[in-house]
Amino acid sequence: MSAYLLANITVNNPENYKEYVEKVKSIVEKFDGEYLVRGGEMSVIEGDWPHKRNIVIKFPSHEKAMEWYNSEEYKPIRQIRHDNAVSNSIIVDGV
């Protein structure tokens, strides 16, 4: 069953965050992840949506998504995001 990483992000330091954007895609792809949404225009239709950047990544399984998130390759890249943005992220199984 596919799993999806959903992330909502507010970038606080756009110049430094560029390094994260440049490096993360190849690591996602190494773990068979596929970007479905990466930024883009959005319209809030209900409720509050404090973060302006949205990401959806499809992985072949929940296990593969967690393997990517906890990988040694992603760990230093993840820190770049933590240092330059605030985010909420989940991994959820698809149907």
PDB file of N, CA and C in Angstrom:
ATOM      1  N   MET A   1       0.838  -1.175   0.000  1.00  0.00           N
ATOM      2  CA  MET A   1       0.000   0.000   0.000  1.00  0.00           C
ATOM      3  C   MET A   1       0.887   1.244   0.000  1.00  0.00           C
ATOM      4  N   SER A   2       0.588   2.202  -0.858  1.00  0.00           N
ATOM      5  CA  SER A   2       1.341   3.454  -0.909  1.00  0.00           C
ATOM      6  C   SER A   2       1.142   4.246   0.376  1.00  0.00           C
ATOM      7  N   ALA A   3       2.137   5.055   0.678  1.00  0.00           N
ATOM      8  CA  ALA A   3       2.050   5.987   1.804  1.00  0.00           C
ATOM      9  C   ALA A   3       2.465   7.357   1.302  1.00  0.00           C
ATOM     10  N   TYR A   4       1.958   8.375   1.970  1.00  0.00           N
ATOM     11  CA  TYR A   4       2.186   9.745   1.532  1.00  0.00           C
ATOM     12  C   TYR A   4       2.743  10.576   2.670  1.00  0.00           C
ATOM     13  N   LEU A   5       3.797  11.324   2.371  1.00  0.00           N
ATOM     14  CA  LEU A   5       4.288  12.324   3.299  1.00  0.00           C
ATOM     15  C   LEU A   5       3.552  13.615   2.965  1.00  0.00           C
ATOM     16  N   LEU A   6       2.901  14.207   3.964  1.00  0.00           N
ATOM     17  CA  LEU A   6       2.239  15.498   3.815  1.00  0.00           C
ATOM     18  C   LEU A   6       2.976  16.479   4.708  1.00  0.00           C
ATOM     19  N   ALA A   7       3.449  17.569   4.134  1.00  0.00           N
ATOM     20  CA  ALA A   7       4.179  18.564   4.914  1.00  0.00           C
ATOM     21  C   ALA A   7       3.654  19.945   4.597  1.00  0.00           C
ATOM     22  N   ASN A   8       3.495  20.742   5.649  1.00  0.00           N
ATOM     23  CA  ASN A   8       3.119  22.149   5.541  1.00  0.00           C
ATOM     24  C   ASN A   8       4.271  22.937   6.139  1.00  0.00           C
ATOM     25  N   ILE A   9       4.790  23.892   5.386  1.00  0.00           N
ATOM     26  CA  ILE A   9       6.055  24.535   5.755  1.00  0.00           C
ATOM     27  C   ILE A   9       5.955  26.053   5.648  1.00  0.00           C
ATOM     28  N   THR A  10       6.544  26.735   6.620  1.00  0.00           N
ATOM     29  CA  THR A  10       6.789  28.170   6.534  1.00  0.00           C
ATOM     30  C   THR A  10       8.299  28.350   6.530  1.00  0.00           C
ATOM     31  N   VAL A  11       8.804  28.892   5.459  1.00  0.00           N
ATOM     32  CA  VAL A  11      10.246  29.112   5.310  1.00  0.00           C
ATOM     33  C   VAL A  11      10.591  30.450   5.945  1.00  0.00           C
ATOM     34  N   ASN A  12      11.503  30.422   6.913  1.00  0.00           N
ATOM     35  CA  ASN A  12      11.918  31.634   7.614  1.00  0.00           C
ATOM     36  C   ASN A  12      13.176  32.250   7.032  1.00  0.00           C
ATOM     37  N   ASN A  13      13.969  31.443   6.362  1.00  0.00           N
ATOM     38  CA  ASN A  13      15.218  31.917   5.772  1.00  0.00           C
ATOM     39  C   ASN A  13      15.313  31.365   4.354  1.00  0.00           C
ATOM     40  N   PRO A  14      14.672  32.042   3.389  1.00  0.00           N
ATOM     41  CA  PRO A  14      14.604  31.507   2.018  1.00  0.00           C
ATOM     42  C   PRO A  14      15.964  31.255   1.374  1.00  0.00           C
ATOM     43  N   GLU A  15      16.921  32.103   1.640  1.00  0.00           N
ATOM     44  CA  GLU A  15      18.237  31.942   1.002  1.00  0.00           C
ATOM     45  C   GLU A  15      18.894  30.628   1.436  1.00  0.00           C
ATOM     46  N   ASN A  16      18.893  30.335   2.727  1.00  0.00           N
ATOM     47  CA  ASN A  16      19.499  29.097   3.214  1.00  0.00           C
ATOM     48  C   ASN A  16      18.636  27.876   2.909  1.00  0.00           C
ATOM     49  N   TYR A  17      17.323  28.062   2.832  1.00  0.00           N
ATOM     50  CA  TYR A  17      16.407  26.954   2.542  1.00  0.00           C
ATOM     51  C   TYR A  17      16.617  26.411   1.128  1.00  0.00           C
ATOM     52  N   LYS A  18      17.136  27.230   0.231  1.00  0.00           N
ATOM     53  CA  LYS A  18      17.400  26.791  -1.145  1.00  0.00           C
ATOM     54  C   LYS A  18      18.291  25.551  -1.172  1.00  0.00           C
ATOM     55  N   GLU A  19      19.237  25.457  -0.237  1.00  0.00           N
ATOM     56  CA  GLU A  19      20.120  24.289  -0.178  1.00  0.00           C
ATOM     57  C   GLU A  19      19.313  23.016   0.082  1.00  0.00           C
ATOM     58  N   TYR A  20      18.320  23.102   0.960  1.00  0.00           N
ATOM     59  CA  TYR A  20      17.454  21.954   1.231  1.00  0.00           C
ATOM     60  C   TYR A  20      16.715  21.533  -0.034  1.00  0.00           C
ATOM     61  N   VAL A  21      16.113  22.491  -0.708  1.00  0.00           N
ATOM     62  CA  VAL A  21      15.342  22.204  -1.930  1.00  0.00           C
ATOM     63  C   VAL A  21      16.230  21.536  -2.980  1.00  0.00           C
ATOM     64  N   GLU A  22      17.462  22.015  -3.113  1.00  0.00           N
ATOM     65  CA  GLU A  22      18.388  21.471  -4.110  1.00  0.00           C
ATOM     66  C   GLU A  22      18.821  20.041  -3.791  1.00  0.00           C
ATOM     67  N   LYS A  23      18.919  19.695  -2.526  1.00  0.00           N
ATOM     68  CA  LYS A  23      19.491  18.397  -2.136  1.00  0.00           C
ATOM     69  C   LYS A  23      18.464  17.307  -1.842  1.00  0.00           C
ATOM     70  N   VAL A  24      17.254  17.665  -1.451  1.00  0.00           N
ATOM     71  CA  VAL A  24      16.318  16.670  -0.947  1.00  0.00           C
ATOM     72  C   VAL A  24      15.747  15.762  -2.040  1.00  0.00           C
ATOM     73  N   LYS A  25      15.522  16.284  -3.231  1.00  0.00           N
ATOM     74  CA  LYS A  25      14.838  15.524  -4.278  1.00  0.00           C
ATOM     75  C   LYS A  25      15.560  14.221  -4.612  1.00  0.00           C
ATOM     76  N   SER A  26      16.860  14.269  -4.770  1.00  0.00           N
ATOM     77  CA  SER A  26      17.606  13.053  -5.143  1.00  0.00           C
ATOM     78  C   SER A  26      17.541  11.999  -4.035  1.00  0.00           C
ATOM     79  N   ILE A  27      17.482  12.432  -2.785  1.00  0.00           N
ATOM     80  CA  ILE A  27      17.390  11.476  -1.677  1.00  0.00           C
ATOM     81  C   ILE A  27      15.991  10.862  -1.637  1.00  0.00           C
ATOM     82  N   VAL A  28      14.971  11.671  -1.858  1.00  0.00           N
ATOM     83  CA  VAL A  28      13.597  11.150  -1.936  1.00  0.00           C
ATOM     84  C   VAL A  28      13.521  10.087  -3.030  1.00  0.00           C
ATOM     85  N   GLU A  29      14.072  10.384  -4.200  1.00  0.00           N
ATOM     86  CA  GLU A  29      14.017   9.453  -5.327  1.00  0.00           C
ATOM     87  C   GLU A  29      14.790   8.170  -5.044  1.00  0.00           C
ATOM     88  N   LYS A  30      15.870   8.263  -4.291  1.00  0.00           N
ATOM     89  CA  LYS A  30      16.651   7.069  -3.924  1.00  0.00           C
ATOM     90  C   LYS A  30      15.793   6.077  -3.135  1.00  0.00           C
ATOM     91  N   PHE A  31      14.813   6.584  -2.380  1.00  0.00           N
ATOM     92  CA  PHE A  31      13.923   5.737  -1.588  1.00  0.00           C
ATOM     93  C   PHE A  31      12.577   5.525  -2.291  1.00  0.00           C
ATOM     94  N   ASP A  32      12.588   5.670  -3.613  1.00  0.00           N
ATOM     95  CA  ASP A  32      11.417   5.436  -4.474  1.00  0.00           C
ATOM     96  C   ASP A  32      10.272   6.400  -4.193  1.00  0.00           C
ATOM     97  N   GLY A  33      10.600   7.591  -3.694  1.00  0.00           N
ATOM     98  CA  GLY A  33       9.588   8.612  -3.474  1.00  0.00           C
ATOM     99  C   GLY A  33       9.343   9.418  -4.743  1.00  0.00           C
ATOM    100  N   GLU A  34       8.126   9.904  -4.869  1.00  0.00           N
ATOM    101  CA  GLU A  34       7.723  10.701  -6.031  1.00  0.00           C
ATOM    102  C   GLU A  34       6.969  11.932  -5.543  1.00  0.00           C
ATOM    103  N   TYR A  35       7.476  13.113  -5.913  1.00  0.00           N
ATOM    104  CA  TYR A  35       6.781  14.347  -5.549  1.00  0.00           C
ATOM    105  C   TYR A  35       5.488  14.457  -6.336  1.00  0.00           C
ATOM    106  N   LEU A  36       4.380  14.672  -5.633  1.00  0.00           N
ATOM    107  CA  LEU A  36       3.092  14.948  -6.258  1.00  0.00           C
ATOM    108  C   LEU A  36       2.758  16.431  -6.146  1.00  0.00           C
ATOM    109  N   VAL A  37       3.187  17.047  -5.049  1.00  0.00           N
ATOM    110  CA  VAL A  37       3.020  18.484  -4.819  1.00  0.00           C
ATOM    111  C   VAL A  37       4.329  18.986  -4.240  1.00  0.00           C
ATOM    112  N   ARG A  38       4.826  20.088  -4.790  1.00  0.00           N
ATOM    113  CA  ARG A  38       6.054  20.695  -4.266  1.00  0.00           C
ATOM    114  C   ARG A  38       5.908  22.205  -4.388  1.00  0.00           C
ATOM    115  N   GLY A  39       5.291  22.799  -3.362  1.00  0.00           N
ATOM    116  CA  GLY A  39       4.997  24.228  -3.421  1.00  0.00           C
ATOM    117  C   GLY A  39       3.726  24.441  -4.214  1.00  0.00           C
ATOM    118  N   GLY A  40       3.718  25.435  -5.032  1.00  0.00           N
ATOM    119  CA  GLY A  40       2.568  25.698  -5.893  1.00  0.00           C
ATOM    120  C   GLY A  40       1.542  26.602  -5.239  1.00  0.00           C
ATOM    121  N   GLU A  41       0.701  27.167  -6.082  1.00  0.00           N
ATOM    122  CA  GLU A  41      -0.362  28.058  -5.608  1.00  0.00           C
ATOM    123  C   GLU A  41      -1.410  27.250  -4.853  1.00  0.00           C
ATOM    124  N   MET A  42      -1.980  27.868  -3.830  1.00  0.00           N
ATOM    125  CA  MET A  42      -3.012  27.176  -3.059  1.00  0.00           C
ATOM    126  C   MET A  42      -4.132  28.141  -2.710  1.00  0.00           C
ATOM    127  N   SER A  43      -5.294  27.581  -2.426  1.00  0.00           N
ATOM    128  CA  SER A  43      -6.451  28.332  -1.968  1.00  0.00           C
ATOM    129  C   SER A  43      -6.969  27.662  -0.705  1.00  0.00           C
ATOM    130  N   VAL A  44      -6.997  28.391   0.389  1.00  0.00           N
ATOM    131  CA  VAL A  44      -7.564  27.868   1.630  1.00  0.00           C
ATOM    132  C   VAL A  44      -9.079  27.956   1.499  1.00  0.00           C
ATOM    133  N   ILE A  45      -9.756  26.805   1.583  1.00  0.00           N
ATOM    134  CA  ILE A  45     -11.206  26.800   1.407  1.00  0.00           C
ATOM    135  C   ILE A  45     -11.965  26.602   2.719  1.00  0.00           C
ATOM    136  N   GLU A  46     -11.266  26.121   3.763  1.00  0.00           N
ATOM    137  CA  GLU A  46     -11.870  25.992   5.089  1.00  0.00           C
ATOM    138  C   GLU A  46     -10.785  26.084   6.147  1.00  0.00           C
ATOM    139  N   GLY A  47     -11.102  26.684   7.255  1.00  0.00           N
ATOM    140  CA  GLY A  47     -10.209  26.705   8.406  1.00  0.00           C
ATOM    141  C   GLY A  47      -8.998  27.602   8.222  1.00  0.00           C
ATOM    142  N   ASP A  48      -8.043  27.424   9.126  1.00  0.00           N
ATOM    143  CA  ASP A  48      -6.790  28.174   9.094  1.00  0.00           C
ATOM    144  C   ASP A  48      -5.704  27.292   8.512  1.00  0.00           C
ATOM    145  N   TRP A  49      -4.851  27.874   7.742  1.00  0.00           N
ATOM    146  CA  TRP A  49      -3.747  27.140   7.131  1.00  0.00           C
ATOM    147  C   TRP A  49      -2.519  28.028   7.239  1.00  0.00           C
ATOM    148  N   PRO A  50      -1.821  27.959   8.377  1.00  0.00           N
ATOM    149  CA  PRO A  50      -0.757  28.935   8.647  1.00  0.00           C
ATOM    150  C   PRO A  50       0.481  28.799   7.760  1.00  0.00           C
ATOM    151  N   HIS A  51       0.777  27.611   7.291  1.00  0.00           N
ATOM    152  CA  HIS A  51       1.985  27.421   6.490  1.00  0.00           C
ATOM    153  C   HIS A  51       1.663  27.588   5.011  1.00  0.00           C
ATOM    154  N   LYS A  52       2.531  28.270   4.296  1.00  0.00           N
ATOM    155  CA  LYS A  52       2.247  28.639   2.908  1.00  0.00           C
ATOM    156  C   LYS A  52       2.845  27.674   1.881  1.00  0.00           C
ATOM    157  N   ARG A  53       3.728  26.781   2.295  1.00  0.00           N
ATOM    158  CA  ARG A  53       4.342  25.834   1.367  1.00  0.00           C
ATOM    159  C   ARG A  53       3.828  24.435   1.711  1.00  0.00           C
ATOM    160  N   ASN A  54       3.412  23.693   0.703  1.00  0.00           N
ATOM    161  CA  ASN A  54       2.848  22.361   0.909  1.00  0.00           C
ATOM    162  C   ASN A  54       3.582  21.344   0.047  1.00  0.00           C
ATOM    163  N   ILE A  55       3.804  20.172   0.631  1.00  0.00           N
ATOM    164  CA  ILE A  55       4.525  19.103  -0.043  1.00  0.00           C
ATOM    165  C   ILE A  55       3.727  17.812   0.113  1.00  0.00           C
ATOM    166  N   VAL A  56       3.629  17.042  -0.971  1.00  0.00           N
ATOM    167  CA  VAL A  56       3.071  15.696  -0.921  1.00  0.00           C
ATOM    168  C   VAL A  56       4.039  14.800  -1.686  1.00  0.00           C
ATOM    169  N   ILE A  57       4.520  13.766  -1.002  1.00  0.00           N
ATOM    170  CA  ILE A  57       5.430  12.795  -1.622  1.00  0.00           C
ATOM    171  C   ILE A  57       4.815  11.418  -1.481  1.00  0.00           C
ATOM    172  N   LYS A  58       4.741  10.700  -2.579  1.00  0.00           N
ATOM    173  CA  LYS A  58       4.218   9.329  -2.581  1.00  0.00           C
ATOM    174  C   LYS A  58       5.384   8.351  -2.468  1.00  0.00           C
ATOM    175  N   PHE A  59       5.271   7.421  -1.521  1.00  0.00           N
ATOM    176  CA  PHE A  59       6.238   6.338  -1.358  1.00  0.00           C
ATOM    177  C   PHE A  59       5.519   5.012  -1.582  1.00  0.00           C
ATOM    178  N   PRO A  60       6.244   3.959  -1.957  1.00  0.00           N
ATOM    179  CA  PRO A  60       5.588   2.677  -2.201  1.00  0.00           C
ATOM    180  C   PRO A  60       4.971   2.044  -0.956  1.00  0.00           C
ATOM    181  N   SER A  61       5.449   2.439   0.243  1.00  0.00           N
ATOM    182  CA  SER A  61       4.917   1.873   1.482  1.00  0.00           C
ATOM    183  C   SER A  61       5.247   2.809   2.643  1.00  0.00           C
ATOM    184  N   HIS A  62       4.547   2.610   3.749  1.00  0.00           N
ATOM    185  CA  HIS A  62       4.823   3.371   4.971  1.00  0.00           C
ATOM    186  C   HIS A  62       6.258   3.090   5.438  1.00  0.00           C
ATOM    187  N   GLU A  63       6.654   1.843   5.349  1.00  0.00           N
ATOM    188  CA  GLU A  63       7.996   1.451   5.776  1.00  0.00           C
ATOM    189  C   GLU A  63       9.067   2.169   4.958  1.00  0.00           C
ATOM    190  N   LYS A  64       8.852   2.276   3.641  1.00  0.00           N
ATOM    191  CA  LYS A  64       9.831   2.947   2.771  1.00  0.00           C
ATOM    192  C   LYS A  64       9.894   4.439   3.098  1.00  0.00           C
ATOM    193  N   ALA A  65       8.761   5.047   3.393  1.00  0.00           N
ATOM    194  CA  ALA A  65       8.744   6.462   3.766  1.00  0.00           C
ATOM    195  C   ALA A  65       9.520   6.683   5.064  1.00  0.00           C
ATOM    196  N   MET A  66       9.310   5.816   6.044  1.00  0.00           N
ATOM    197  CA  MET A  66      10.029   5.937   7.310  1.00  0.00           C
ATOM    198  C   MET A  66      11.516   5.664   7.130  1.00  0.00           C
ATOM    199  N   GLU A  67      11.835   4.734   6.252  1.00  0.00           N
ATOM    200  CA  GLU A  67      13.245   4.439   5.948  1.00  0.00           C
ATOM    201  C   GLU A  67      13.920   5.695   5.396  1.00  0.00           C
ATOM    202  N   TRP A  68      13.235   6.391   4.477  1.00  0.00           N
ATOM    203  CA  TRP A  68      13.771   7.642   3.931  1.00  0.00           C
ATOM    204  C   TRP A  68      13.948   8.669   5.046  1.00  0.00           C
ATOM    205  N   TYR A  69      12.901   8.893   5.832  1.00  0.00           N
ATOM    206  CA  TYR A  69      12.936   9.941   6.852  1.00  0.00           C
ATOM    207  C   TYR A  69      14.056   9.700   7.866  1.00  0.00           C
ATOM    208  N   ASN A  70      14.296   8.460   8.213  1.00  0.00           N
ATOM    209  CA  ASN A  70      15.304   8.130   9.226  1.00  0.00           C
ATOM    210  C   ASN A  70      16.670   7.795   8.645  1.00  0.00           C
ATOM    211  N   SER A  71      16.839   7.944   7.356  1.00  0.00           N
ATOM    212  CA  SER A  71      18.094   7.547   6.703  1.00  0.00           C
ATOM    213  C   SER A  71      19.244   8.489   7.058  1.00  0.00           C
ATOM    214  N   GLU A  72      20.439   7.934   7.008  1.00  0.00           N
ATOM    215  CA  GLU A  72      21.652   8.725   7.225  1.00  0.00           C
ATOM    216  C   GLU A  72      21.825   9.771   6.126  1.00  0.00           C
ATOM    217  N   GLU A  73      21.352   9.487   4.928  1.00  0.00           N
ATOM    218  CA  GLU A  73      21.454  10.447   3.823  1.00  0.00           C
ATOM    219  C   GLU A  73      20.585  11.672   4.065  1.00  0.00           C
ATOM    220  N   TYR A  74      19.395  11.448   4.632  1.00  0.00           N
ATOM    221  CA  TYR A  74      18.465  12.558   4.828  1.00  0.00           C
ATOM    222  C   TYR A  74      18.751  13.357   6.095  1.00  0.00           C
ATOM    223  N   LYS A  75      19.347  12.743   7.087  1.00  0.00           N
ATOM    224  CA  LYS A  75      19.539  13.397   8.393  1.00  0.00           C
ATOM    225  C   LYS A  75      20.184  14.791   8.285  1.00  0.00           C
ATOM    226  N   PRO A  76      21.308  14.981   7.568  1.00  0.00           N
ATOM    227  CA  PRO A  76      21.888  16.331   7.501  1.00  0.00           C
ATOM    228  C   PRO A  76      21.042  17.299   6.673  1.00  0.00           C
ATOM    229  N   ILE A  77      20.308  16.782   5.697  1.00  0.00           N
ATOM    230  CA  ILE A  77      19.439  17.620   4.881  1.00  0.00           C
ATOM    231  C   ILE A  77      18.232  18.065   5.717  1.00  0.00           C
ATOM    232  N   ARG A  78      17.694  17.159   6.500  1.00  0.00           N
ATOM    233  CA  ARG A  78      16.572  17.475   7.391  1.00  0.00           C
ATOM    234  C   ARG A  78      16.951  18.611   8.338  1.00  0.00           C
ATOM    235  N   GLN A  79      18.183  18.605   8.817  1.00  0.00           N
ATOM    236  CA  GLN A  79      18.634  19.658   9.728  1.00  0.00           C
ATOM    237  C   GLN A  79      18.622  21.019   9.049  1.00  0.00           C
ATOM    238  N   ILE A  80      18.940  21.072   7.768  1.00  0.00           N
ATOM    239  CA  ILE A  80      18.872  22.340   7.025  1.00  0.00           C
ATOM    240  C   ILE A  80      17.442  22.880   7.063  1.00  0.00           C
ATOM    241  N   ARG A  81      16.469  21.990   6.862  1.00  0.00           N
ATOM    242  CA  ARG A  81      15.065  22.413   6.932  1.00  0.00           C
ATOM    243  C   ARG A  81      14.719  22.907   8.331  1.00  0.00           C
ATOM    244  N   HIS A  82      15.119  22.157   9.338  1.00  0.00           N
ATOM    245  CA  HIS A  82      14.826  22.552  10.724  1.00  0.00           C
ATOM    246  C   HIS A  82      15.429  23.915  11.056  1.00  0.00           C
ATOM    247  N   ASP A  83      16.610  24.190  10.518  1.00  0.00           N
ATOM    248  CA  ASP A  83      17.295  25.453  10.814  1.00  0.00           C
ATOM    249  C   ASP A  83      16.676  26.647  10.094  1.00  0.00           C
ATOM    250  N   ASN A  84      15.913  26.394   9.026  1.00  0.00           N
ATOM    251  CA  ASN A  84      15.463  27.492   8.173  1.00  0.00           C
ATOM    252  C   ASN A  84      13.954  27.557   7.940  1.00  0.00           C
ATOM    253  N   ALA A  85      13.194  26.661   8.593  1.00  0.00           N
ATOM    254  CA  ALA A  85      11.755  26.624   8.381  1.00  0.00           C
ATOM    255  C   ALA A  85      11.056  26.021   9.583  1.00  0.00           C
ATOM    256  N   VAL A  86       9.753  26.250   9.651  1.00  0.00           N
ATOM    257  CA  VAL A  86       8.884  25.612  10.630  1.00  0.00           C
ATOM    258  C   VAL A  86       7.926  24.746   9.834  1.00  0.00           C
ATOM    259  N   SER A  87       7.699  23.515  10.308  1.00  0.00           N
ATOM    260  CA  SER A  87       6.826  22.648   9.517  1.00  0.00           C
ATOM    261  C   SER A  87       6.042  21.680  10.387  1.00  0.00           C
ATOM    262  N   ASN A  88       4.951  21.193   9.802  1.00  0.00           N
ATOM    263  CA  ASN A  88       4.176  20.077  10.320  1.00  0.00           C
ATOM    264  C   ASN A  88       4.230  19.000   9.248  1.00  0.00           C
ATOM    265  N   SER A  89       4.512  17.769   9.640  1.00  0.00           N
ATOM    266  CA  SER A  89       4.624  16.685   8.668  1.00  0.00           C
ATOM    267  C   SER A  89       4.002  15.410   9.232  1.00  0.00           C
ATOM    268  N   ILE A  90       3.378  14.648   8.342  1.00  0.00           N
ATOM    269  CA  ILE A  90       2.875  13.319   8.697  1.00  0.00           C
ATOM    270  C   ILE A  90       3.150  12.364   7.547  1.00  0.00           C
ATOM    271  N   ILE A  91       3.159  11.102   7.870  1.00  0.00           N
ATOM    272  CA  ILE A  91       3.161  10.051   6.856  1.00  0.00           C
ATOM    273  C   ILE A  91       1.874   9.269   7.061  1.00  0.00           C
ATOM    274  N   VAL A  92       1.098   9.145   6.002  1.00  0.00           N
ATOM    275  CA  VAL A  92      -0.215   8.507   6.096  1.00  0.00           C
ATOM    276  C   VAL A  92      -0.351   7.473   4.979  1.00  0.00           C
ATOM    277  N   ASP A  93      -0.955   6.339   5.302  1.00  0.00           N
ATOM    278  CA  ASP A  93      -1.187   5.306   4.301  1.00  0.00           C
ATOM    279  C   ASP A  93      -2.304   5.735   3.360  1.00  0.00           C
ATOM    280  N   GLY A  94      -2.166   5.339   2.102  1.00  0.00           N
ATOM    281  CA  GLY A  94      -3.191   5.638   1.103  1.00  0.00           C
ATOM    282  C   GLY A  94      -4.255   4.550   1.055  1.00  0.00           C
ATOM    283  N   VAL A  95      -5.105   4.645   0.064  1.00  0.00           N
ATOM    284  CA  VAL A  95      -6.168   3.642  -0.080  1.00  0.00           C
ATOM    285  C   VAL A  95      -5.883   2.748  -1.270  1.00  0.00           C
TER     286      VAL A  95
END
